[in-house]
Amino acid sequence: MTRVDRACLLAVMIAGGLGATPFAAHAQSAEAEALFRDGRNLIKAGKLAAGCDRLAASERLESSVGTLLNLGDCREKLGKLASAWAAFRKAEAMAKRAGGDERRQAEAGHRAAALEPRLSNLVIEVGHMVDGLVVRRDDEVVDSATWNTALPVDPGSYALVAEAPGYAAWRTSIVIAAGERRHVVSVPLLERVAVAAPPAAPTRIIAAPVVRPTWTSTRMVSAVFAVAGAGAVGTGIYFGLHARSLDERANQRCPGSACSDPEGLRLNDQAQTSASRANVLYIAGAAALATAAVLWYVGAPGEVVVVPAAGDHQLGVALSGRF
């Protein structure tokens, strides 16, 4: 077929409203050409959805005016008017840039203009901006430049998602009816969510050495007993020396075993009394010093309770506590 013959055929198709005859397309790549032919055959067999998919795949591999015109016509028959309108507009722009293809350029523009009054439009209103906000329509990111603008969309159901780091995602589902001129969806202000702080590094705890004071309460009691014991022993020594002095004076007055001298007898009685006192003080002092030594020894590791103890002819202390 010569170029003149192809031009005449295109004129016939335009005059007849395209009917069931597809637009001619001449692909240069083998893959795109195979997909194009397969798509046309599927459309002829009444399998529009599968045919449109093949044409779209061919157009992605190698875009051409003919493929876009056929794709737009197929999508229009499927009721995907926005997709058809976009294909026709792209075909029109491509033919215009290439030049020398005024008829297909005019046909693409005519088909697009005829669809515009029937298009459904979606407006995604975003009035509250947050850092990192992303809006998706069926997992496809909606360019922020198109927010708050009426955009042609195919009729059907859509899932909208708005999300941003640090905020709870907002989701909704919408249904766009055929011919719905303006469907508005407003994205609300996203709610901030608490972000879990990263786990803190484990803190190394170094136990401080336990310093036990030398003067515990038990050792203070020990010191009291030591002073008291030393005082008792010292007093006992005094009474012992005094008893010896008195005994020597009594012996001078009464050298024999029998004595009738009253002064000698008095000195002897005083010597015996002082000796008894000395003995009691020796015993008490020694007990106090022994108690002081025990309390000093056990004073560091634990507490010791000192309880006075008394009995017949006995005087002392009882110790209780942890050792």
C-alpha atoms as a PDB file:
ATOM      1  CA  MET A   1       0.000   0.000   0.000  1.00  0.00           C
ATOM      2  CA  THR A   2       1.436   3.371  -1.064  1.00  0.00           C
ATOM      3  CA  ARG A   3       1.398   6.417   1.171  1.00  0.00           C
ATOM      4  CA  VAL A   4      -1.429   7.921  -0.969  1.00  0.00           C
ATOM      5  CA  ASP A   5      -3.459   4.734  -0.516  1.00  0.00           C
ATOM      6  CA  ARG A   6      -2.938   4.856   3.269  1.00  0.00           C
ATOM      7  CA  ALA A   7      -4.058   8.482   3.347  1.00  0.00           C
ATOM      8  CA  CYS A   8      -7.229   7.606   1.389  1.00  0.00           C
ATOM      9  CA  LEU A   9      -7.955   4.709   3.753  1.00  0.00           C
ATOM     10  CA  LEU A  10      -7.554   6.965   6.793  1.00  0.00           C
ATOM     11  CA  ALA A  11      -9.921   9.495   5.246  1.00  0.00           C
ATOM     12  CA  VAL A  12     -12.503   6.756   4.724  1.00  0.00           C
ATOM     13  CA  MET A  13     -12.160   5.625   8.371  1.00  0.00           C
ATOM     14  CA  ILE A  14     -12.573   9.171   9.676  1.00  0.00           C
ATOM     15  CA  ALA A  15     -15.602   9.787   7.476  1.00  0.00           C
ATOM     16  CA  GLY A  16     -17.182   6.550   8.696  1.00  0.00           C
ATOM     17  CA  GLY A  17     -16.597   7.352  12.388  1.00  0.00           C
ATOM     18  CA  LEU A  18     -13.855   4.670  12.492  1.00  0.00           C
ATOM     19  CA  GLY A  19     -16.476   1.898  12.709  1.00  0.00           C
ATOM     20  CA  ALA A  20     -14.767  -1.345  13.616  1.00  0.00           C
ATOM     21  CA  THR A  21     -11.655  -0.692  11.527  1.00  0.00           C
ATOM     22  CA  PRO A  22      -8.551  -0.029  13.644  1.00  0.00           C
ATOM     23  CA  PHE A  23      -6.023   2.670  12.964  1.00  0.00           C
ATOM     24  CA  ALA A  24      -2.958   1.628  11.048  1.00  0.00           C
ATOM     25  CA  ALA A  25       0.287   1.640  13.032  1.00  0.00           C
ATOM     26  CA  HIS A  26       3.806   0.926  11.916  1.00  0.00           C
ATOM     27  CA  ALA A  27       6.049  -0.142  14.767  1.00  0.00           C
ATOM     28  CA  GLN A  28       9.761  -0.410  14.262  1.00  0.00           C
ATOM     29  CA  SER A  29      10.568  -2.843  17.111  1.00  0.00           C
ATOM     30  CA  ALA A  30       9.586  -6.476  16.688  1.00  0.00           C
ATOM     31  CA  GLU A  31       8.281  -6.736  20.239  1.00  0.00           C
ATOM     32  CA  ALA A  32       6.055  -3.677  19.952  1.00  0.00           C
ATOM     33  CA  GLU A  33       4.765  -4.831  16.552  1.00  0.00           C
ATOM     34  CA  ALA A  34       3.939  -8.321  17.899  1.00  0.00           C
ATOM     35  CA  LEU A  35       2.033  -6.860  20.862  1.00  0.00           C
ATOM     36  CA  PHE A  36       0.185  -4.449  18.589  1.00  0.00           C
ATOM     37  CA  ARG A  37      -0.969  -7.216  16.243  1.00  0.00           C
ATOM     38  CA  ASP A  38      -1.935  -9.468  19.131  1.00  0.00           C
ATOM     39  CA  GLY A  39      -3.970  -6.641  20.658  1.00  0.00           C
ATOM     40  CA  ARG A  40      -5.841  -5.990  17.415  1.00  0.00           C
ATOM     41  CA  ASN A  41      -6.653  -9.676  17.031  1.00  0.00           C
ATOM     42  CA  LEU A  42      -8.000  -9.856  20.587  1.00  0.00           C
ATOM     43  CA  ILE A  43     -10.181  -6.793  19.988  1.00  0.00           C
ATOM     44  CA  LYS A  44     -11.562  -8.342  16.808  1.00  0.00           C
ATOM     45  CA  ALA A  45     -12.383 -11.452  18.853  1.00  0.00           C
ATOM     46  CA  GLY A  46     -14.365  -9.299  21.282  1.00  0.00           C
ATOM     47  CA  LYS A  47     -11.770  -9.502  24.067  1.00  0.00           C
ATOM     48  CA  LEU A  48     -11.492  -5.764  24.646  1.00  0.00           C
ATOM     49  CA  ALA A  49      -9.781  -5.792  28.067  1.00  0.00           C
ATOM     50  CA  ALA A  50      -7.026  -8.165  26.960  1.00  0.00           C
ATOM     51  CA  GLY A  51      -6.631  -6.306  23.662  1.00  0.00           C
ATOM     52  CA  CYS A  52      -6.261  -2.976  25.457  1.00  0.00           C
ATOM     53  CA  ASP A  53      -3.585  -4.466  27.695  1.00  0.00           C
ATOM     54  CA  ARG A  54      -1.594  -5.644  24.651  1.00  0.00           C
ATOM     55  CA  LEU A  55      -1.866  -2.241  22.980  1.00  0.00           C
ATOM     56  CA  ALA A  56      -0.782  -0.503  26.195  1.00  0.00           C
ATOM     57  CA  ALA A  57       2.238  -2.810  26.437  1.00  0.00           C
ATOM     58  CA  SER A  58       3.138  -2.074  22.821  1.00  0.00           C
ATOM     59  CA  GLU A  59       2.811   1.649  23.442  1.00  0.00           C
ATOM     60  CA  ARG A  60       5.120   1.434  26.487  1.00  0.00           C
ATOM     61  CA  LEU A  61       7.775  -0.300  24.385  1.00  0.00           C
ATOM     62  CA  GLU A  62       7.491   2.100  21.464  1.00  0.00           C
ATOM     63  CA  SER A  63       5.066   4.977  21.420  1.00  0.00           C
ATOM     64  CA  SER A  64       3.460   5.827  18.073  1.00  0.00           C
ATOM     65  CA  VAL A  65       0.473   7.843  16.887  1.00  0.00           C
ATOM     66  CA  GLY A  66      -1.240   4.799  15.385  1.00  0.00           C
ATOM     67  CA  THR A  67      -0.869   2.699  18.546  1.00  0.00           C
ATOM     68  CA  LEU A  68      -2.181   5.566  20.691  1.00  0.00           C
ATOM     69  CA  LEU A  69      -5.227   6.046  18.451  1.00  0.00           C
ATOM     70  CA  ASN A  70      -6.048   2.350  18.610  1.00  0.00           C
ATOM     71  CA  LEU A  71      -5.489   2.307  22.370  1.00  0.00           C
ATOM     72  CA  GLY A  72      -7.748   5.332  22.871  1.00  0.00           C
ATOM     73  CA  ASP A  73     -10.484   3.770  20.777  1.00  0.00           C
ATOM     74  CA  CYS A  74     -10.244   0.492  22.753  1.00  0.00           C
ATOM     75  CA  ARG A  75     -10.384   2.202  26.120  1.00  0.00           C
ATOM     76  CA  GLU A  76     -13.349   4.296  25.078  1.00  0.00           C
ATOM     77  CA  LYS A  77     -15.239   1.133  24.234  1.00  0.00           C
ATOM     78  CA  LEU A  78     -14.379  -0.222  27.707  1.00  0.00           C
ATOM     79  CA  GLY A  79     -15.831   2.910  29.319  1.00  0.00           C
ATOM     80  CA  LYS A  80     -12.437   4.133  30.525  1.00  0.00           C
ATOM     81  CA  LEU A  81     -13.049   7.588  29.168  1.00  0.00           C
ATOM     82  CA  ALA A  82     -10.254   9.384  31.036  1.00  0.00           C
ATOM     83  CA  SER A  83      -7.659   6.884  29.811  1.00  0.00           C
ATOM     84  CA  ALA A  84      -9.030   7.123  26.267  1.00  0.00           C
ATOM     85  CA  TRP A  85      -8.978  10.927  26.413  1.00  0.00           C
ATOM     86  CA  ALA A  86      -5.333  10.865  27.611  1.00  0.00           C
ATOM     87  CA  ALA A  87      -4.341   8.515  24.752  1.00  0.00           C
ATOM     88  CA  PHE A  88      -5.995  10.740  22.143  1.00  0.00           C
ATOM     89  CA  ARG A  89      -4.368  13.878  23.539  1.00  0.00           C
ATOM     90  CA  LYS A  90      -0.956  12.203  23.524  1.00  0.00           C
ATOM     91  CA  ALA A  91      -1.494  11.028  19.927  1.00  0.00           C
ATOM     92  CA  GLU A  92      -2.489  14.566  18.929  1.00  0.00           C
ATOM     93  CA  ALA A  93       0.645  16.064  20.493  1.00  0.00           C
ATOM     94  CA  MET A  94       2.904  13.414  18.956  1.00  0.00           C
ATOM     95  CA  ALA A  95       1.463  13.919  15.475  1.00  0.00           C
ATOM     96  CA  LYS A  96       1.840  17.661  15.834  1.00  0.00           C
ATOM     97  CA  ARG A  97       5.515  17.363  16.824  1.00  0.00           C
ATOM     98  CA  ALA A  98       6.274  14.940  13.996  1.00  0.00           C
ATOM     99  CA  GLY A  99       4.540  17.089  11.345  1.00  0.00           C
ATOM    100  CA  GLY A 100       3.113  15.900   8.046  1.00  0.00           C
ATOM    101  CA  ASP A 101       0.343  13.900   9.762  1.00  0.00           C
ATOM    102  CA  GLU A 102      -2.372  16.539   9.987  1.00  0.00           C
ATOM    103  CA  ARG A 103      -5.262  14.123   9.434  1.00  0.00           C
ATOM    104  CA  ARG A 104      -4.410  11.813  12.341  1.00  0.00           C
ATOM    105  CA  GLN A 105      -3.583  14.855  14.459  1.00  0.00           C
ATOM    106  CA  ALA A 106      -7.019  16.299  13.702  1.00  0.00           C
ATOM    107  CA  GLU A 107      -8.746  12.968  14.354  1.00  0.00           C
ATOM    108  CA  ALA A 108      -7.024  12.564  17.718  1.00  0.00           C
ATOM    109  CA  GLY A 109      -8.005  16.104  18.704  1.00  0.00           C
ATOM    110  CA  HIS A 110     -11.594  15.561  17.573  1.00  0.00           C
ATOM    111  CA  ARG A 111     -11.930  12.313  19.558  1.00  0.00           C
ATOM    112  CA  ALA A 112     -10.456  13.914  22.692  1.00  0.00           C
ATOM    113  CA  ALA A 113     -12.737  16.947  22.461  1.00  0.00           C
ATOM    114  CA  ALA A 114     -15.777  14.718  22.071  1.00  0.00           C
ATOM    115  CA  LEU A 115     -14.908  12.868  25.301  1.00  0.00           C
ATOM    116  CA  GLU A 116     -14.258  15.915  27.505  1.00  0.00           C
ATOM    117  CA  PRO A 117     -17.925  16.666  28.378  1.00  0.00           C
ATOM    118  CA  ARG A 118     -18.362  13.041  29.506  1.00  0.00           C
ATOM    119  CA  LEU A 119     -15.266  12.836  31.718  1.00  0.00           C
ATOM    120  CA  SER A 120     -15.417  12.139  35.454  1.00  0.00           C
ATOM    121  CA  ASN A 121     -13.140  14.305  37.561  1.00  0.00           C
ATOM    122  CA  LEU A 122     -11.585  13.771  40.987  1.00  0.00           C
ATOM    123  CA  VAL A 123     -10.341  16.572  43.256  1.00  0.00           C
ATOM    124  CA  ILE A 124      -8.058  15.575  46.134  1.00  0.00           C
ATOM    125  CA  GLU A 125      -8.140  18.523  48.527  1.00  0.00           C
ATOM    126  CA  VAL A 126      -5.126  18.852  50.824  1.00  0.00           C
ATOM    127  CA  GLY A 127      -5.540  21.806  53.158  1.00  0.00           C
ATOM    128  CA  HIS A 128      -3.287  20.700  56.018  1.00  0.00           C
ATOM    129  CA  MET A 129       0.339  20.180  55.127  1.00  0.00           C
ATOM    130  CA  VAL A 130       2.763  18.152  57.231  1.00  0.00           C
ATOM    131  CA  ASP A 131       6.373  17.309  56.499  1.00  0.00           C
ATOM    132  CA  GLY A 132       6.788  14.313  54.205  1.00  0.00           C
ATOM    133  CA  LEU A 133       3.095  14.052  53.273  1.00  0.00           C
ATOM    134  CA  VAL A 134       2.431  11.546  50.467  1.00  0.00           C
ATOM    135  CA  VAL A 135      -0.963  10.837  48.871  1.00  0.00           C
ATOM    136  CA  ARG A 136      -1.544   7.604  46.970  1.00  0.00           C
ATOM    137  CA  ARG A 137      -4.397   6.508  44.749  1.00  0.00           C
ATOM    138  CA  ASP A 138      -4.475   2.725  44.357  1.00  0.00           C
ATOM    139  CA  ASP A 139      -0.798   2.529  45.429  1.00  0.00           C
ATOM    140  CA  GLU A 140       0.179   5.153  42.833  1.00  0.00           C
ATOM    141  CA  VAL A 141       1.656   8.365  44.203  1.00  0.00           C
ATOM    142  CA  VAL A 142      -0.405  11.421  43.339  1.00  0.00           C
ATOM    143  CA  ASP A 143       1.896  14.297  42.371  1.00  0.00           C
ATOM    144  CA  SER A 144       1.566  17.117  44.902  1.00  0.00           C
ATOM    145  CA  ALA A 145       1.319  19.578  42.002  1.00  0.00           C
ATOM    146  CA  THR A 146      -2.064  18.040  41.125  1.00  0.00           C
ATOM    147  CA  TRP A 147      -3.545  18.367  44.618  1.00  0.00           C
ATOM    148  CA  ASN A 148      -6.632  20.603  44.801  1.00  0.00           C
ATOM    149  CA  THR A 149      -7.073  20.270  41.012  1.00  0.00           C
ATOM    150  CA  ALA A 150      -9.840  18.483  39.109  1.00  0.00           C
ATOM    151  CA  LEU A 151      -8.235  15.570  37.266  1.00  0.00           C
ATOM    152  CA  PRO A 152      -9.974  13.231  34.788  1.00  0.00           C
ATOM    153  CA  VAL A 153     -10.262   9.670  36.117  1.00  0.00           C
ATOM    154  CA  ASP A 154     -11.917   6.526  34.859  1.00  0.00           C
ATOM    155  CA  PRO A 155     -15.173   5.578  36.589  1.00  0.00           C
ATOM    156  CA  GLY A 156     -14.735   2.947  39.301  1.00  0.00           C
ATOM    157  CA  SER A 157     -13.578   2.348  42.858  1.00  0.00           C
ATOM    158  CA  TYR A 158     -10.384   3.831  44.262  1.00  0.00           C
ATOM    159  CA  ALA A 159      -8.463   3.541  47.538  1.00  0.00           C
ATOM    160  CA  LEU A 160      -6.880   6.761  48.797  1.00  0.00           C
ATOM    161  CA  VAL A 161      -4.092   6.862  51.381  1.00  0.00           C
ATOM    162  CA  ALA A 162      -2.362   9.869  52.971  1.00  0.00           C
ATOM    163  CA  GLU A 163       0.678   9.261  55.149  1.00  0.00           C
ATOM    164  CA  ALA A 164       3.721  11.005  56.558  1.00  0.00           C
ATOM    165  CA  PRO A 165       6.552   9.988  58.889  1.00  0.00           C
ATOM    166  CA  GLY A 166       5.486  10.306  62.514  1.00  0.00           C
ATOM    167  CA  TYR A 167       1.774  10.518  61.690  1.00  0.00           C
ATOM    168  CA  ALA A 168      -1.070   8.014  61.609  1.00  0.00           C
ATOM    169  CA  ALA A 169      -2.013   7.141  58.008  1.00  0.00           C
ATOM    170  CA  TRP A 170      -5.439   8.194  56.727  1.00  0.00           C
ATOM    171  CA  ARG A 171      -7.330   5.841  54.389  1.00  0.00           C
ATOM    172  CA  THR A 172     -10.618   5.951  52.551  1.00  0.00           C
ATOM    173  CA  SER A 173     -12.381   4.325  49.604  1.00  0.00           C
ATOM    174  CA  ILE A 174     -14.367   6.195  46.969  1.00  0.00           C
ATOM    175  CA  VAL A 175     -16.519   5.323  43.969  1.00  0.00           C
ATOM    176  CA  ILE A 176     -16.425   7.561  40.893  1.00  0.00           C
ATOM    177  CA  ALA A 177     -19.598   7.363  38.812  1.00  0.00           C
ATOM    178  CA  ALA A 178     -19.578   7.697  35.015  1.00  0.00           C
ATOM    179  CA  GLY A 179     -20.032  11.325  34.013  1.00  0.00           C
ATOM    180  CA  GLU A 180     -19.488  12.629  37.599  1.00  0.00           C
ATOM    181  CA  ARG A 181     -18.135  16.051  36.830  1.00  0.00           C
ATOM    182  CA  ARG A 182     -16.507  16.775  40.183  1.00  0.00           C
ATOM    183  CA  HIS A 183     -15.913  14.306  42.998  1.00  0.00           C
ATOM    184  CA  VAL A 184     -14.131  16.024  45.924  1.00  0.00           C
ATOM    185  CA  VAL A 185     -12.228  14.177  48.639  1.00  0.00           C
ATOM    186  CA  SER A 186     -10.677  16.191  51.501  1.00  0.00           C
ATOM    187  CA  VAL A 187      -7.595  14.837  53.258  1.00  0.00           C
ATOM    188  CA  PRO A 188      -7.856  15.715  56.981  1.00  0.00           C
ATOM    189  CA  LEU A 189      -5.022  16.851  59.204  1.00  0.00           C
ATOM    190  CA  LEU A 190      -3.047  13.742  60.052  1.00  0.00           C
ATOM    191  CA  GLU A 191      -2.755  12.819  63.719  1.00  0.00           C
ATOM    192  CA  ARG A 192       0.717  12.693  65.159  1.00  0.00           C
ATOM    193  CA  VAL A 193       1.700   9.415  66.774  1.00  0.00           C
ATOM    194  CA  ALA A 194       4.232   8.854  69.510  1.00  0.00           C
ATOM    195  CA  VAL A 195       7.508   7.524  68.198  1.00  0.00           C
ATOM    196  CA  ALA A 196       9.152   4.990  70.431  1.00  0.00           C
ATOM    197  CA  ALA A 197      12.504   6.147  71.677  1.00  0.00           C
ATOM    198  CA  PRO A 198      15.436   3.924  70.772  1.00  0.00           C
ATOM    199  CA  PRO A 199      16.452   1.606  73.570  1.00  0.00           C
ATOM    200  CA  ALA A 200      19.002   3.177  75.858  1.00  0.00           C
ATOM    201  CA  ALA A 201      22.433   1.667  76.029  1.00  0.00           C
ATOM    202  CA  PRO A 202      22.805  -0.641  79.015  1.00  0.00           C
ATOM    203  CA  THR A 203      24.168   1.222  81.998  1.00  0.00           C
ATOM    204  CA  ARG A 204      27.166  -0.332  83.636  1.00  0.00           C
ATOM    205  CA  ILE A 205      26.732  -0.129  87.363  1.00  0.00           C
ATOM    206  CA  ILE A 206      29.895  -0.276  89.407  1.00  0.00           C
ATOM    207  CA  ALA A 207      29.208  -1.143  92.987  1.00  0.00           C
ATOM    208  CA  ALA A 208      31.021   1.128  95.384  1.00  0.00           C
ATOM    209  CA  PRO A 209      33.028  -0.655  98.029  1.00  0.00           C
ATOM    210  CA  VAL A 210      31.265  -0.815 101.358  1.00  0.00           C
ATOM    211  CA  VAL A 211      33.167   1.194 103.913  1.00  0.00           C
ATOM    212  CA  ARG A 212      32.442   0.111 107.440  1.00  0.00           C
ATOM    213  CA  PRO A 213      33.095   2.821 110.000  1.00  0.00           C
ATOM    214  CA  THR A 214      35.461   1.873 112.828  1.00  0.00           C
ATOM    215  CA  TRP A 215      33.294   3.434 115.518  1.00  0.00           C
ATOM    216  CA  THR A 216      30.071   1.512 115.231  1.00  0.00           C
ATOM    217  CA  SER A 217      27.490   1.678 117.982  1.00  0.00           C
ATOM    218  CA  THR A 218      28.766  -1.623 119.381  1.00  0.00           C
ATOM    219  CA  ARG A 219      32.323  -0.382 119.508  1.00  0.00           C
ATOM    220  CA  MET A 220      31.187   2.771 121.241  1.00  0.00           C
ATOM    221  CA  VAL A 221      29.621   0.572 123.922  1.00  0.00           C
ATOM    222  CA  SER A 222      32.902  -1.353 123.985  1.00  0.00           C
ATOM    223  CA  ALA A 223      34.776   1.862 124.708  1.00  0.00           C
ATOM    224  CA  VAL A 224      32.428   2.653 127.589  1.00  0.00           C
ATOM    225  CA  PHE A 225      33.066  -0.790 129.096  1.00  0.00           C
ATOM    226  CA  ALA A 226      36.799  -0.367 128.586  1.00  0.00           C
ATOM    227  CA  VAL A 227      36.843   2.986 130.394  1.00  0.00           C
ATOM    228  CA  ALA A 228      34.644   1.606 133.173  1.00  0.00           C
ATOM    229  CA  GLY A 229      36.808  -1.509 133.476  1.00  0.00           C
ATOM    230  CA  ALA A 230      40.015   0.494 133.563  1.00  0.00           C
ATOM    231  CA  GLY A 231      38.499   2.774 136.204  1.00  0.00           C
ATOM    232  CA  ALA A 232      37.403  -0.216 138.294  1.00  0.00           C
ATOM    233  CA  VAL A 233      40.832  -1.839 138.107  1.00  0.00           C
ATOM    234  CA  GLY A 234      42.530   1.452 138.954  1.00  0.00           C
ATOM    235  CA  THR A 235      40.237   1.965 141.945  1.00  0.00           C
ATOM    236  CA  GLY A 236      40.825  -1.629 142.980  1.00  0.00           C
ATOM    237  CA  ILE A 237      44.558  -0.997 142.928  1.00  0.00           C
ATOM    238  CA  TYR A 238      44.035   2.037 145.127  1.00  0.00           C
ATOM    239  CA  PHE A 239      41.983   0.059 147.650  1.00  0.00           C
ATOM    240  CA  GLY A 240      44.534  -2.771 147.520  1.00  0.00           C
ATOM    241  CA  LEU A 241      47.403  -0.438 148.318  1.00  0.00           C
ATOM    242  CA  HIS A 242      45.362   1.275 150.996  1.00  0.00           C
ATOM    243  CA  ALA A 243      44.481  -2.113 152.505  1.00  0.00           C
ATOM    244  CA  ARG A 244      48.199  -3.032 152.635  1.00  0.00           C
ATOM    245  CA  SER A 245      49.061   0.253 154.286  1.00  0.00           C
ATOM    246  CA  LEU A 246      46.377  -0.201 156.909  1.00  0.00           C
ATOM    247  CA  ASP A 247      47.450  -3.787 157.513  1.00  0.00           C
ATOM    248  CA  GLU A 248      51.049  -2.694 158.106  1.00  0.00           C
ATOM    249  CA  ARG A 249      49.963  -0.037 160.612  1.00  0.00           C
ATOM    250  CA  ALA A 250      47.705  -2.547 162.364  1.00  0.00           C
ATOM    251  CA  ASN A 251      50.598  -5.021 162.631  1.00  0.00           C
ATOM    252  CA  GLN A 252      52.738  -2.339 164.196  1.00  0.00           C
ATOM    253  CA  ARG A 253      50.135  -1.763 166.892  1.00  0.00           C
ATOM    254  CA  CYS A 254      49.392  -5.454 167.356  1.00  0.00           C
ATOM    255  CA  PRO A 255      52.375  -7.594 166.336  1.00  0.00           C
ATOM    256  CA  GLY A 256      50.933 -10.703 167.887  1.00  0.00           C
ATOM    257  CA  SER A 257      47.900 -12.800 167.028  1.00  0.00           C
ATOM    258  CA  ALA A 258      46.016 -11.463 169.997  1.00  0.00           C
ATOM    259  CA  CYS A 259      45.497  -7.743 170.185  1.00  0.00           C
ATOM    260  CA  SER A 260      43.674  -5.636 172.720  1.00  0.00           C
ATOM    261  CA  ASP A 261      44.631  -2.286 171.231  1.00  0.00           C
ATOM    262  CA  PRO A 262      41.440  -0.622 169.938  1.00  0.00           C
ATOM    263  CA  GLU A 263      43.318   1.405 167.302  1.00  0.00           C
ATOM    264  CA  GLY A 264      45.046  -1.704 166.034  1.00  0.00           C
ATOM    265  CA  LEU A 265      41.735  -3.506 165.800  1.00  0.00           C
ATOM    266  CA  ARG A 266      40.204  -0.565 163.894  1.00  0.00           C
ATOM    267  CA  LEU A 267      43.067  -0.431 161.450  1.00  0.00           C
ATOM    268  CA  ASN A 268      42.770  -4.166 160.874  1.00  0.00           C
ATOM    269  CA  ASP A 269      39.034  -3.906 160.150  1.00  0.00           C
ATOM    270  CA  GLN A 270      39.640  -1.047 157.713  1.00  0.00           C
ATOM    271  CA  ALA A 271      42.370  -3.043 155.965  1.00  0.00           C
ATOM    272  CA  GLN A 272      40.043  -6.016 155.475  1.00  0.00           C
ATOM    273  CA  THR A 273      37.261  -3.758 154.131  1.00  0.00           C
ATOM    274  CA  SER A 274      39.640  -2.093 151.671  1.00  0.00           C
ATOM    275  CA  ALA A 275      40.939  -5.480 150.578  1.00  0.00           C
ATOM    276  CA  SER A 276      37.379  -6.705 149.924  1.00  0.00           C
ATOM    277  CA  ARG A 277      36.607  -3.607 147.920  1.00  0.00           C
ATOM    278  CA  ALA A 278      39.797  -4.062 145.943  1.00  0.00           C
ATOM    279  CA  ASN A 279      38.879  -7.652 145.131  1.00  0.00           C
ATOM    280  CA  VAL A 280      35.364  -6.676 143.969  1.00  0.00           C
ATOM    281  CA  LEU A 281      36.756  -3.870 141.837  1.00  0.00           C
ATOM    282  CA  TYR A 282      39.392  -6.182 140.348  1.00  0.00           C
ATOM    283  CA  ILE A 283      36.709  -8.664 139.343  1.00  0.00           C
ATOM    284  CA  ALA A 284      34.328  -5.997 137.973  1.00  0.00           C
ATOM    285  CA  GLY A 285      37.124  -4.231 136.098  1.00  0.00           C
ATOM    286  CA  ALA A 286      38.365  -7.455 134.590  1.00  0.00           C
ATOM    287  CA  ALA A 287      34.826  -8.386 133.498  1.00  0.00           C
ATOM    288  CA  ALA A 288      34.311  -4.938 131.987  1.00  0.00           C
ATOM    289  CA  LEU A 289      37.594  -5.103 130.095  1.00  0.00           C
ATOM    290  CA  ALA A 290      36.797  -8.576 128.814  1.00  0.00           C
ATOM    291  CA  THR A 291      33.359  -7.380 127.672  1.00  0.00           C
ATOM    292  CA  ALA A 292      34.985  -4.378 125.981  1.00  0.00           C
ATOM    293  CA  ALA A 293      37.343  -6.665 124.094  1.00  0.00           C
ATOM    294  CA  VAL A 294      34.507  -8.883 122.910  1.00  0.00           C
ATOM    295  CA  LEU A 295      32.357  -5.940 121.834  1.00  0.00           C
ATOM    296  CA  TRP A 296      35.247  -4.364 119.947  1.00  0.00           C
ATOM    297  CA  TYR A 297      35.897  -7.598 118.085  1.00  0.00           C
ATOM    298  CA  VAL A 298      32.283  -8.186 117.047  1.00  0.00           C
ATOM    299  CA  GLY A 299      31.388  -4.541 116.619  1.00  0.00           C
ATOM    300  CA  ALA A 300      32.333  -4.265 112.933  1.00  0.00           C
ATOM    301  CA  PRO A 301      30.240  -7.042 111.292  1.00  0.00           C
ATOM    302  CA  GLY A 302      27.027  -6.679 113.274  1.00  0.00           C
ATOM    303  CA  GLU A 303      25.126  -5.139 116.052  1.00  0.00           C
ATOM    304  CA  VAL A 304      25.441  -6.426 119.570  1.00  0.00           C
ATOM    305  CA  VAL A 305      22.838  -5.728 122.213  1.00  0.00           C
ATOM    306  CA  VAL A 306      24.266  -5.353 125.697  1.00  0.00           C
ATOM    307  CA  VAL A 307      21.906  -6.283 128.505  1.00  0.00           C
ATOM    308  CA  PRO A 308      22.997  -5.911 132.139  1.00  0.00           C
ATOM    309  CA  ALA A 309      22.795  -9.176 134.100  1.00  0.00           C
ATOM    310  CA  ALA A 310      22.782  -9.530 137.903  1.00  0.00           C
ATOM    311  CA  GLY A 311      22.464 -12.490 140.243  1.00  0.00           C
ATOM    312  CA  ASP A 312      23.435 -13.676 143.678  1.00  0.00           C
ATOM    313  CA  HIS A 313      26.885 -12.266 144.348  1.00  0.00           C
ATOM    314  CA  GLN A 314      27.317 -11.739 140.559  1.00  0.00           C
ATOM    315  CA  LEU A 315      27.307  -8.717 138.284  1.00  0.00           C
ATOM    316  CA  GLY A 316      27.812  -8.761 134.511  1.00  0.00           C
ATOM    317  CA  VAL A 317      26.305  -8.244 131.074  1.00  0.00           C
ATOM    318  CA  ALA A 318      24.569 -10.445 128.495  1.00  0.00           C
ATOM    319  CA  LEU A 319      25.423 -10.052 124.781  1.00  0.00           C
ATOM    320  CA  SER A 320      23.042 -10.790 121.879  1.00  0.00           C
ATOM    321  CA  GLY A 321      23.174 -10.004 118.202  1.00  0.00           C
ATOM    322  CA  ARG A 322      24.699 -11.152 114.882  1.00  0.00           C
ATOM    323  CA  PHE A 323      28.324 -12.277 114.793  1.00  0.00           C
END
